[in-house]
Amino acid sequence: QCVDTLQGAVSAMIVKCVQERKYIDITLKATPES
């Protein structure tokens, strides 16, 4: 789940990926403060 900006940064990425059938790589990681 994301939060979108007034400029639609998340929505723009979604539309581009879906319309252009674009595959992307995603990295998930923990970032402990300690």
Full PDB file with SEQRES, HELIX, SHEET, SSBOND, CRYST1, ORIGX, SCALE, CONECT and MASTER records, all heavy atoms in Angstrom:
SEQRES   1 A   34  GLN CYS VAL ASP THR LEU GLN GLY ALA VAL SER ALA MET          
SEQRES   2 A   34  ILE VAL LYS CYS VAL GLN GLU ARG LYS TYR ILE ASP ILE          
SEQRES   3 A   34  THR LEU LYS ALA THR PRO GLU SER                              
HELIX    1 AA1 ALA A    9  GLN A   19  1                                  11    
CRYST1    1.000    1.000    1.000  90.00  90.00  90.00 P 1           1          
ORIGX1      1.000000  0.000000  0.000000        0.00000                         
ORIGX2      0.000000  1.000000  0.000000        0.00000                         
ORIGX3      0.000000  0.000000  1.000000        0.00000                         
SCALE1      1.000000  0.000000  0.000000        0.00000                         
SCALE2      0.000000  1.000000  0.000000        0.00000                         
SCALE3      0.000000  0.000000  1.000000        0.00000                         
ATOM      1  N   GLN A   1       0.853  -1.184   0.000  1.00  0.00           N  
ATOM      2  CA  GLN A   1       0.000   0.000   0.000  1.00  0.00           C  
ATOM      3  C   GLN A   1       0.884   1.228   0.000  1.00  0.00           C  
ATOM      4  O   GLN A   1       1.859   1.305   0.753  1.00  0.00           O  
ATOM      5  CB  GLN A   1      -0.932   0.017   1.205  1.00  0.00           C  
ATOM      6  CG  GLN A   1      -1.977   1.117   1.101  1.00  0.00           C  
ATOM      7  CD  GLN A   1      -2.956   1.051   2.226  1.00  0.00           C  
ATOM      8  OE1 GLN A   1      -2.594   1.256   3.376  1.00  0.00           O  
ATOM      9  NE2 GLN A   1      -4.203   0.755   1.919  1.00  0.00           N  
ATOM     10  N   CYS A   2       0.560   2.156  -0.867  1.00  0.00           N  
ATOM     11  CA  CYS A   2       1.317   3.400  -0.985  1.00  0.00           C  
ATOM     12  C   CYS A   2       0.409   4.563  -0.638  1.00  0.00           C  
ATOM     13  O   CYS A   2      -0.801   4.409  -0.535  1.00  0.00           O  
ATOM     14  CB  CYS A   2       1.825   3.581  -2.419  1.00  0.00           C  
ATOM     15  SG  CYS A   2       2.911   2.271  -2.988  1.00  0.00           S  
ATOM     16  N   VAL A   3       0.994   5.722  -0.487  1.00  0.00           N  
ATOM     17  CA  VAL A   3       0.237   6.965  -0.384  1.00  0.00           C  
ATOM     18  C   VAL A   3       0.635   7.772  -1.614  1.00  0.00           C  
ATOM     19  O   VAL A   3       1.807   7.810  -1.989  1.00  0.00           O  
ATOM     20  CB  VAL A   3       0.527   7.706   0.943  1.00  0.00           C  
ATOM     21  CG1 VAL A   3       1.978   8.121   1.056  1.00  0.00           C  
ATOM     22  CG2 VAL A   3      -0.391   8.890   1.114  1.00  0.00           C  
ATOM     23  N   ASP A   4      -0.340   8.366  -2.289  1.00  0.00           N  
ATOM     24  CA  ASP A   4      -0.018   9.109  -3.504  1.00  0.00           C  
ATOM     25  C   ASP A   4       0.200  10.579  -3.186  1.00  0.00           C  
ATOM     26  O   ASP A   4      -0.246  11.088  -2.165  1.00  0.00           O  
ATOM     27  CB  ASP A   4      -1.105   8.938  -4.564  1.00  0.00           C  
ATOM     28  CG  ASP A   4      -0.543   8.988  -5.982  1.00  0.00           C  
ATOM     29  OD1 ASP A   4       0.659   9.326  -6.138  1.00  0.00           O  
ATOM     30  OD2 ASP A   4      -1.281   8.694  -6.926  1.00  0.00           O  
ATOM     31  N   THR A   5       0.898  11.252  -4.082  1.00  0.00           N  
ATOM     32  CA  THR A   5       1.171  12.679  -3.943  1.00  0.00           C  
ATOM     33  C   THR A   5       0.178  13.473  -4.785  1.00  0.00           C  
ATOM     34  O   THR A   5      -0.564  12.917  -5.603  1.00  0.00           O  
ATOM     35  CB  THR A   5       2.594  13.001  -4.437  1.00  0.00           C  
ATOM     36  OG1 THR A   5       2.664  12.706  -5.836  1.00  0.00           O  
ATOM     37  CG2 THR A   5       3.625  12.196  -3.675  1.00  0.00           C  
ATOM     38  N   LEU A   6       0.173  14.781  -4.614  1.00  0.00           N  
ATOM     39  CA  LEU A   6      -0.699  15.634  -5.434  1.00  0.00           C  
ATOM     40  C   LEU A   6      -0.372  15.507  -6.912  1.00  0.00           C  
ATOM     41  O   LEU A   6      -1.248  15.637  -7.768  1.00  0.00           O  
ATOM     42  CB  LEU A   6      -0.565  17.102  -5.000  1.00  0.00           C  
ATOM     43  CG  LEU A   6      -1.103  17.437  -3.617  1.00  0.00           C  
ATOM     44  CD1 LEU A   6      -0.823  18.906  -3.283  1.00  0.00           C  
ATOM     45  CD2 LEU A   6      -2.582  17.128  -3.503  1.00  0.00           C  
ATOM     46  N   GLN A   7       0.899  15.249  -7.231  1.00  0.00           N  
ATOM     47  CA  GLN A   7       1.320  15.113  -8.624  1.00  0.00           C  
ATOM     48  C   GLN A   7       1.051  13.713  -9.189  1.00  0.00           C  
ATOM     49  O   GLN A   7       1.213  13.482 -10.377  1.00  0.00           O  
ATOM     50  CB  GLN A   7       2.812  15.443  -8.764  1.00  0.00           C  
ATOM     51  CG  GLN A   7       3.171  16.863  -8.342  1.00  0.00           C  
ATOM     52  CD  GLN A   7       2.416  17.910  -9.155  1.00  0.00           C  
ATOM     53  OE1 GLN A   7       2.279  17.785 -10.372  1.00  0.00           O  
ATOM     54  NE2 GLN A   7       1.918  18.938  -8.479  1.00  0.00           N  
ATOM     55  N   GLY A   8       0.663  12.765  -8.356  1.00  0.00           N  
ATOM     56  CA  GLY A   8       0.300  11.432  -8.817  1.00  0.00           C  
ATOM     57  C   GLY A   8       1.475  10.537  -9.154  1.00  0.00           C  
ATOM     58  O   GLY A   8       1.424   9.774 -10.118  1.00  0.00           O  
ATOM     59  N   ALA A   9       2.534  10.583  -8.351  1.00  0.00           N  
ATOM     60  CA  ALA A   9       3.727   9.775  -8.628  1.00  0.00           C  
ATOM     61  C   ALA A   9       3.413   8.286  -8.668  1.00  0.00           C  
ATOM     62  O   ALA A   9       3.859   7.564  -9.570  1.00  0.00           O  
ATOM     63  CB  ALA A   9       4.803  10.060  -7.573  1.00  0.00           C  
ATOM     64  N   VAL A  10       2.644   7.797  -7.711  1.00  0.00           N  
ATOM     65  CA  VAL A  10       2.304   6.375  -7.657  1.00  0.00           C  
ATOM     66  C   VAL A  10       1.357   6.017  -8.802  1.00  0.00           C  
ATOM     67  O   VAL A  10       1.562   5.029  -9.511  1.00  0.00           O  
ATOM     68  CB  VAL A  10       1.683   6.003  -6.292  1.00  0.00           C  
ATOM     69  CG1 VAL A  10       1.217   4.555  -6.276  1.00  0.00           C  
ATOM     70  CG2 VAL A  10       2.685   6.243  -5.169  1.00  0.00           C  
ATOM     71  N   SER A  11       0.335   6.818  -8.998  1.00  0.00           N  
ATOM     72  CA  SER A  11      -0.630   6.552 -10.070  1.00  0.00           C  
ATOM     73  C   SER A  11       0.032   6.542 -11.438  1.00  0.00           C  
ATOM     74  O   SER A  11      -0.298   5.708 -12.289  1.00  0.00           O  
ATOM     75  CB  SER A  11      -1.755   7.586 -10.042  1.00  0.00           C  
ATOM     76  OG  SER A  11      -2.504   7.464  -8.843  1.00  0.00           O  
ATOM     77  N   ALA A  12       0.980   7.438 -11.667  1.00  0.00           N  
ATOM     78  CA  ALA A  12       1.688   7.485 -12.956  1.00  0.00           C  
ATOM     79  C   ALA A  12       2.460   6.189 -13.194  1.00  0.00           C  
ATOM     80  O   ALA A  12       2.455   5.658 -14.314  1.00  0.00           O  
ATOM     81  CB  ALA A  12       2.619   8.692 -12.997  1.00  0.00           C  
ATOM     82  N   MET A  13       3.120   5.674 -12.158  1.00  0.00           N  
ATOM     83  CA  MET A  13       3.861   4.426 -12.303  1.00  0.00           C  
ATOM     84  C   MET A  13       2.913   3.267 -12.602  1.00  0.00           C  
ATOM     85  O   MET A  13       3.176   2.442 -13.471  1.00  0.00           O  
ATOM     86  CB  MET A  13       4.667   4.132 -11.033  1.00  0.00           C  
ATOM     87  CG  MET A  13       5.571   2.911 -11.108  1.00  0.00           C  
ATOM     88  SD  MET A  13       4.854   1.326 -10.573  1.00  0.00           S  
ATOM     89  CE  MET A  13       4.483   1.615  -8.868  1.00  0.00           C  
ATOM     90  N   ILE A  14       1.789   3.223 -11.904  1.00  0.00           N  
ATOM     91  CA  ILE A  14       0.818   2.152 -12.115  1.00  0.00           C  
ATOM     92  C   ILE A  14       0.311   2.180 -13.560  1.00  0.00           C  
ATOM     93  O   ILE A  14       0.308   1.157 -14.251  1.00  0.00           O  
ATOM     94  CB  ILE A  14      -0.368   2.281 -11.129  1.00  0.00           C  
ATOM     95  CG1 ILE A  14       0.102   2.072  -9.699  1.00  0.00           C  
ATOM     96  CG2 ILE A  14      -1.476   1.296 -11.491  1.00  0.00           C  
ATOM     97  CD1 ILE A  14      -0.898   2.521  -8.651  1.00  0.00           C  
ATOM     98  N   VAL A  15      -0.107   3.337 -14.009  1.00  0.00           N  
ATOM     99  CA  VAL A  15      -0.642   3.467 -15.368  1.00  0.00           C  
ATOM    100  C   VAL A  15       0.405   3.064 -16.401  1.00  0.00           C  
ATOM    101  O   VAL A  15       0.121   2.310 -17.330  1.00  0.00           O  
ATOM    102  CB  VAL A  15      -1.147   4.908 -15.617  1.00  0.00           C  
ATOM    103  CG1 VAL A  15      -1.438   5.145 -17.087  1.00  0.00           C  
ATOM    104  CG2 VAL A  15      -2.386   5.178 -14.770  1.00  0.00           C  
ATOM    105  N   LYS A  16       1.633   3.537 -16.215  1.00  0.00           N  
ATOM    106  CA  LYS A  16       2.697   3.205 -17.170  1.00  0.00           C  
ATOM    107  C   LYS A  16       2.947   1.691 -17.222  1.00  0.00           C  
ATOM    108  O   LYS A  16       3.038   1.104 -18.298  1.00  0.00           O  
ATOM    109  CB  LYS A  16       3.981   3.948 -16.809  1.00  0.00           C  
ATOM    110  CG  LYS A  16       5.110   3.697 -17.789  1.00  0.00           C  
ATOM    111  CD  LYS A  16       6.308   4.569 -17.492  1.00  0.00           C  
ATOM    112  CE  LYS A  16       7.387   4.276 -18.498  1.00  0.00           C  
ATOM    113  NZ  LYS A  16       7.829   5.423 -19.209  1.00  0.00           N  
ATOM    114  N   CYS A  17       3.065   1.067 -16.053  1.00  0.00           N  
ATOM    115  CA  CYS A  17       3.329  -0.374 -16.014  1.00  0.00           C  
ATOM    116  C   CYS A  17       2.199  -1.176 -16.650  1.00  0.00           C  
ATOM    117  O   CYS A  17       2.443  -2.112 -17.406  1.00  0.00           O  
ATOM    118  CB  CYS A  17       3.564  -0.839 -14.583  1.00  0.00           C  
ATOM    119  SG  CYS A  17       5.149  -0.307 -13.907  1.00  0.00           S  
ATOM    120  N   VAL A  18       0.969  -0.812 -16.357  1.00  0.00           N  
ATOM    121  CA  VAL A  18      -0.169  -1.566 -16.878  1.00  0.00           C  
ATOM    122  C   VAL A  18      -0.337  -1.335 -18.375  1.00  0.00           C  
ATOM    123  O   VAL A  18      -0.470  -2.283 -19.153  1.00  0.00           O  
ATOM    124  CB  VAL A  18      -1.466  -1.211 -16.114  1.00  0.00           C  
ATOM    125  CG1 VAL A  18      -2.687  -1.824 -16.779  1.00  0.00           C  
ATOM    126  CG2 VAL A  18      -1.358  -1.670 -14.658  1.00  0.00           C  
ATOM    127  N   GLN A  19      -0.302  -0.068 -18.806  1.00  0.00           N  
ATOM    128  CA  GLN A  19      -0.518   0.215 -20.229  1.00  0.00           C  
ATOM    129  C   GLN A  19       0.600  -0.311 -21.114  1.00  0.00           C  
ATOM    130  O   GLN A  19       0.346  -0.809 -22.201  1.00  0.00           O  
ATOM    131  CB  GLN A  19      -0.683   1.723 -20.454  1.00  0.00           C  
ATOM    132  CG  GLN A  19      -2.009   2.249 -19.980  1.00  0.00           C  
ATOM    133  CD  GLN A  19      -2.178   3.731 -20.250  1.00  0.00           C  
ATOM    134  OE1 GLN A  19      -1.223   4.446 -20.558  1.00  0.00           O  
ATOM    135  NE2 GLN A  19      -3.403   4.200 -20.120  1.00  0.00           N  
ATOM    136  N   GLU A  20       1.838  -0.209 -20.634  1.00  0.00           N  
ATOM    137  CA  GLU A  20       2.986  -0.615 -21.450  1.00  0.00           C  
ATOM    138  C   GLU A  20       3.442  -2.043 -21.182  1.00  0.00           C  
ATOM    139  O   GLU A  20       4.462  -2.469 -21.712  1.00  0.00           O  
ATOM    140  CB  GLU A  20       4.144   0.356 -21.222  1.00  0.00           C  
ATOM    141  CG  GLU A  20       3.817   1.770 -21.664  1.00  0.00           C  
ATOM    142  CD  GLU A  20       4.957   2.745 -21.425  1.00  0.00           C  
ATOM    143  OE1 GLU A  20       6.091   2.299 -21.110  1.00  0.00           O  
ATOM    144  OE2 GLU A  20       4.718   3.959 -21.538  1.00  0.00           O  
ATOM    145  N   ARG A  21       2.689  -2.764 -20.335  1.00  0.00           N  
ATOM    146  CA  ARG A  21       3.048  -4.135 -19.980  1.00  0.00           C  
ATOM    147  C   ARG A  21       4.491  -4.213 -19.501  1.00  0.00           C  
ATOM    148  O   ARG A  21       5.267  -5.069 -19.895  1.00  0.00           O  
ATOM    149  CB  ARG A  21       2.812  -5.061 -21.170  1.00  0.00           C  
ATOM    150  CG  ARG A  21       1.377  -5.110 -21.599  1.00  0.00           C  
ATOM    151  CD  ARG A  21       1.175  -5.856 -22.874  1.00  0.00           C  
ATOM    152  NE  ARG A  21       1.630  -7.237 -22.730  1.00  0.00           N  
ATOM    153  CZ  ARG A  21       1.146  -8.248 -23.404  1.00  0.00           C  
ATOM    154  NH1 ARG A  21       0.184  -8.061 -24.274  1.00  0.00           N  
ATOM    155  NH2 ARG A  21       1.618  -9.459 -23.232  1.00  0.00           N  
ATOM    156  N   LYS A  22       4.823  -3.290 -18.603  1.00  0.00           N  
ATOM    157  CA  LYS A  22       6.194  -3.156 -18.114  1.00  0.00           C  
ATOM    158  C   LYS A  22       6.397  -4.019 -16.872  1.00  0.00           C  
ATOM    159  O   LYS A  22       5.612  -3.985 -15.941  1.00  0.00           O  
ATOM    160  CB  LYS A  22       6.443  -1.682 -17.781  1.00  0.00           C  
ATOM    161  CG  LYS A  22       7.843  -1.371 -17.400  1.00  0.00           C  
ATOM    162  CD  LYS A  22       8.034   0.120 -17.215  1.00  0.00           C  
ATOM    163  CE  LYS A  22       9.482   0.376 -16.842  1.00  0.00           C  
ATOM    164  NZ  LYS A  22       9.767   1.774 -16.698  1.00  0.00           N  
ATOM    165  N   TYR A  23       7.469  -4.793 -16.863  1.00  0.00           N  
ATOM    166  CA  TYR A  23       7.871  -5.601 -15.717  1.00  0.00           C  
ATOM    167  C   TYR A  23       8.980  -4.848 -14.989  1.00  0.00           C  
ATOM    168  O   TYR A  23       9.887  -4.322 -15.625  1.00  0.00           O  
ATOM    169  CB  TYR A  23       8.413  -6.961 -16.171  1.00  0.00           C  
ATOM    170  CG  TYR A  23       7.388  -7.829 -16.854  1.00  0.00           C  
ATOM    171  CD1 TYR A  23       7.128  -7.689 -18.209  1.00  0.00           C  
ATOM    172  CD2 TYR A  23       6.700  -8.808 -16.143  1.00  0.00           C  
ATOM    173  CE1 TYR A  23       6.186  -8.492 -18.840  1.00  0.00           C  
ATOM    174  CE2 TYR A  23       5.768  -9.615 -16.770  1.00  0.00           C  
ATOM    175  CZ  TYR A  23       5.513  -9.451 -18.120  1.00  0.00           C  
ATOM    176  OH  TYR A  23       4.593 -10.244 -18.729  1.00  0.00           O  
ATOM    177  N   ILE A  24       8.905  -4.812 -13.660  1.00  0.00           N  
ATOM    178  CA  ILE A  24       9.945  -4.120 -12.911  1.00  0.00           C  
ATOM    179  C   ILE A  24      10.456  -5.005 -11.779  1.00  0.00           C  
ATOM    180  O   ILE A  24       9.782  -5.937 -11.344  1.00  0.00           O  
ATOM    181  CB  ILE A  24       9.473  -2.758 -12.353  1.00  0.00           C  
ATOM    182  CG1 ILE A  24       8.324  -2.924 -11.378  1.00  0.00           C  
ATOM    183  CG2 ILE A  24       9.085  -1.820 -13.472  1.00  0.00           C  
ATOM    184  CD1 ILE A  24       7.932  -1.619 -10.703  1.00  0.00           C  
ATOM    185  N   ASP A  25      11.650  -4.689 -11.315  1.00  0.00           N  
ATOM    186  CA  ASP A  25      12.246  -5.381 -10.170  1.00  0.00           C  
ATOM    187  C   ASP A  25      11.976  -4.549  -8.918  1.00  0.00           C  
ATOM    188  O   ASP A  25      12.033  -3.312  -8.962  1.00  0.00           O  
ATOM    189  CB  ASP A  25      13.742  -5.573 -10.362  1.00  0.00           C  
ATOM    190  CG  ASP A  25      14.067  -6.495 -11.527  1.00  0.00           C  
ATOM    191  OD1 ASP A  25      13.204  -7.317 -11.904  1.00  0.00           O  
ATOM    192  OD2 ASP A  25      15.184  -6.394 -12.061  1.00  0.00           O  
ATOM    193  N   ILE A  26      11.696  -5.231  -7.825  1.00  0.00           N  
ATOM    194  CA  ILE A  26      11.362  -4.569  -6.566  1.00  0.00           C  
ATOM    195  C   ILE A  26      12.234  -5.164  -5.466  1.00  0.00           C  
ATOM    196  O   ILE A  26      12.420  -6.375  -5.396  1.00  0.00           O  
ATOM    197  CB  ILE A  26       9.873  -4.751  -6.227  1.00  0.00           C  
ATOM    198  CG1 ILE A  26       9.003  -4.131  -7.325  1.00  0.00           C  
ATOM    199  CG2 ILE A  26       9.543  -4.167  -4.868  1.00  0.00           C  
ATOM    200  CD1 ILE A  26       7.524  -4.398  -7.160  1.00  0.00           C  
ATOM    201  N   THR A  27      12.771  -4.302  -4.612  1.00  0.00           N  
ATOM    202  CA  THR A  27      13.574  -4.735  -3.474  1.00  0.00           C  
ATOM    203  C   THR A  27      12.833  -4.400  -2.184  1.00  0.00           C  
ATOM    204  O   THR A  27      12.401  -3.259  -1.994  1.00  0.00           O  
ATOM    205  CB  THR A  27      14.950  -4.043  -3.473  1.00  0.00           C  
ATOM    206  OG1 THR A  27      15.618  -4.342  -4.696  1.00  0.00           O  
ATOM    207  CG2 THR A  27      15.801  -4.509  -2.306  1.00  0.00           C  
ATOM    208  N   LEU A  28      12.700  -5.401  -1.322  1.00  0.00           N  
ATOM    209  CA  LEU A  28      12.084  -5.239  -0.007  1.00  0.00           C  
ATOM    210  C   LEU A  28      13.174  -5.461   1.031  1.00  0.00           C  
ATOM    211  O   LEU A  28      13.921  -6.429   0.936  1.00  0.00           O  
ATOM    212  CB  LEU A  28      10.989  -6.295   0.209  1.00  0.00           C  
ATOM    213  CG  LEU A  28      10.010  -6.550  -0.922  1.00  0.00           C  
ATOM    214  CD1 LEU A  28       9.187  -7.799  -0.630  1.00  0.00           C  
ATOM    215  CD2 LEU A  28       9.120  -5.356  -1.121  1.00  0.00           C  
ATOM    216  N   LYS A  29      13.262  -4.559   2.008  1.00  0.00           N  
ATOM    217  CA  LYS A  29      14.288  -4.771   3.027  1.00  0.00           C  
ATOM    218  C   LYS A  29      13.926  -4.101   4.340  1.00  0.00           C  
ATOM    219  O   LYS A  29      13.234  -3.085   4.366  1.00  0.00           O  
ATOM    220  CB  LYS A  29      15.646  -4.293   2.541  1.00  0.00           C  
ATOM    221  CG  LYS A  29      15.739  -2.824   2.227  1.00  0.00           C  
ATOM    222  CD  LYS A  29      17.133  -2.486   1.689  1.00  0.00           C  
ATOM    223  CE  LYS A  29      17.265  -1.009   1.389  1.00  0.00           C  
ATOM    224  NZ  LYS A  29      18.603  -0.679   0.926  1.00  0.00           N  
ATOM    225  N   ALA A  30      14.403  -4.711   5.409  1.00  0.00           N  
ATOM    226  CA  ALA A  30      14.272  -4.117   6.731  1.00  0.00           C  
ATOM    227  C   ALA A  30      15.364  -3.068   6.895  1.00  0.00           C  
ATOM    228  O   ALA A  30      16.467  -3.224   6.368  1.00  0.00           O  
ATOM    229  CB  ALA A  30      14.404  -5.194   7.806  1.00  0.00           C  
ATOM    230  N   THR A  31      15.042  -2.001   7.624  1.00  0.00           N  
ATOM    231  CA  THR A  31      16.015  -0.924   7.852  1.00  0.00           C  
ATOM    232  C   THR A  31      16.019  -0.546   9.337  1.00  0.00           C  
ATOM    233  O   THR A  31      15.580   0.530   9.713  1.00  0.00           O  
ATOM    234  CB  THR A  31      15.654   0.314   7.001  1.00  0.00           C  
ATOM    235  OG1 THR A  31      14.303   0.706   7.300  1.00  0.00           O  
ATOM    236  CG2 THR A  31      15.793   0.041   5.527  1.00  0.00           C  
ATOM    237  N   PRO A  32      16.509  -1.436  10.202  1.00  0.00           N  
ATOM    238  CA  PRO A  32      16.446  -1.173  11.634  1.00  0.00           C  
ATOM    239  C   PRO A  32      17.273   0.042  12.065  1.00  0.00           C  
ATOM    240  O   PRO A  32      18.432   0.179  11.682  1.00  0.00           O  
ATOM    241  CB  PRO A  32      17.000  -2.456  12.269  1.00  0.00           C  
ATOM    242  CG  PRO A  32      17.500  -3.304  11.171  1.00  0.00           C  
ATOM    243  CD  PRO A  32      17.130  -2.708   9.871  1.00  0.00           C  
ATOM    244  N   GLU A  33      16.645   0.890  12.845  1.00  0.00           N  
ATOM    245  CA  GLU A  33      17.312   2.091  13.360  1.00  0.00           C  
ATOM    246  C   GLU A  33      18.563   1.726  14.152  1.00  0.00           C  
ATOM    247  O   GLU A  33      19.595   2.394  14.045  1.00  0.00           O  
ATOM    248  CB  GLU A  33      16.337   2.870  14.252  1.00  0.00           C  
ATOM    249  CG  GLU A  33      16.941   4.090  14.897  1.00  0.00           C  
ATOM    250  CD  GLU A  33      15.997   4.788  15.851  1.00  0.00           C  
ATOM    251  OE1 GLU A  33      14.844   4.339  16.026  1.00  0.00           O  
ATOM    252  OE2 GLU A  33      16.426   5.799  16.444  1.00  0.00           O  
ATOM    253  N   SER A  34      18.479   0.666  14.944  1.00  0.00           N  
ATOM    254  CA  SER A  34      19.613   0.267  15.786  1.00  0.00           C  
ATOM    255  C   SER A  34      20.818  -0.165  14.961  1.00  0.00           C  
ATOM    256  O   SER A  34      21.931  -0.237  15.486  1.00  0.00           O  
ATOM    257  CB  SER A  34      19.203  -0.849  16.741  1.00  0.00           C  
ATOM    258  OG  SER A  34      18.255  -0.353  17.663  1.00  0.00           O  
TER     259      SER A  34                                                      
MASTER        0    0    0    1    0    0    0    6  258    1    0    3          
END                                                                             
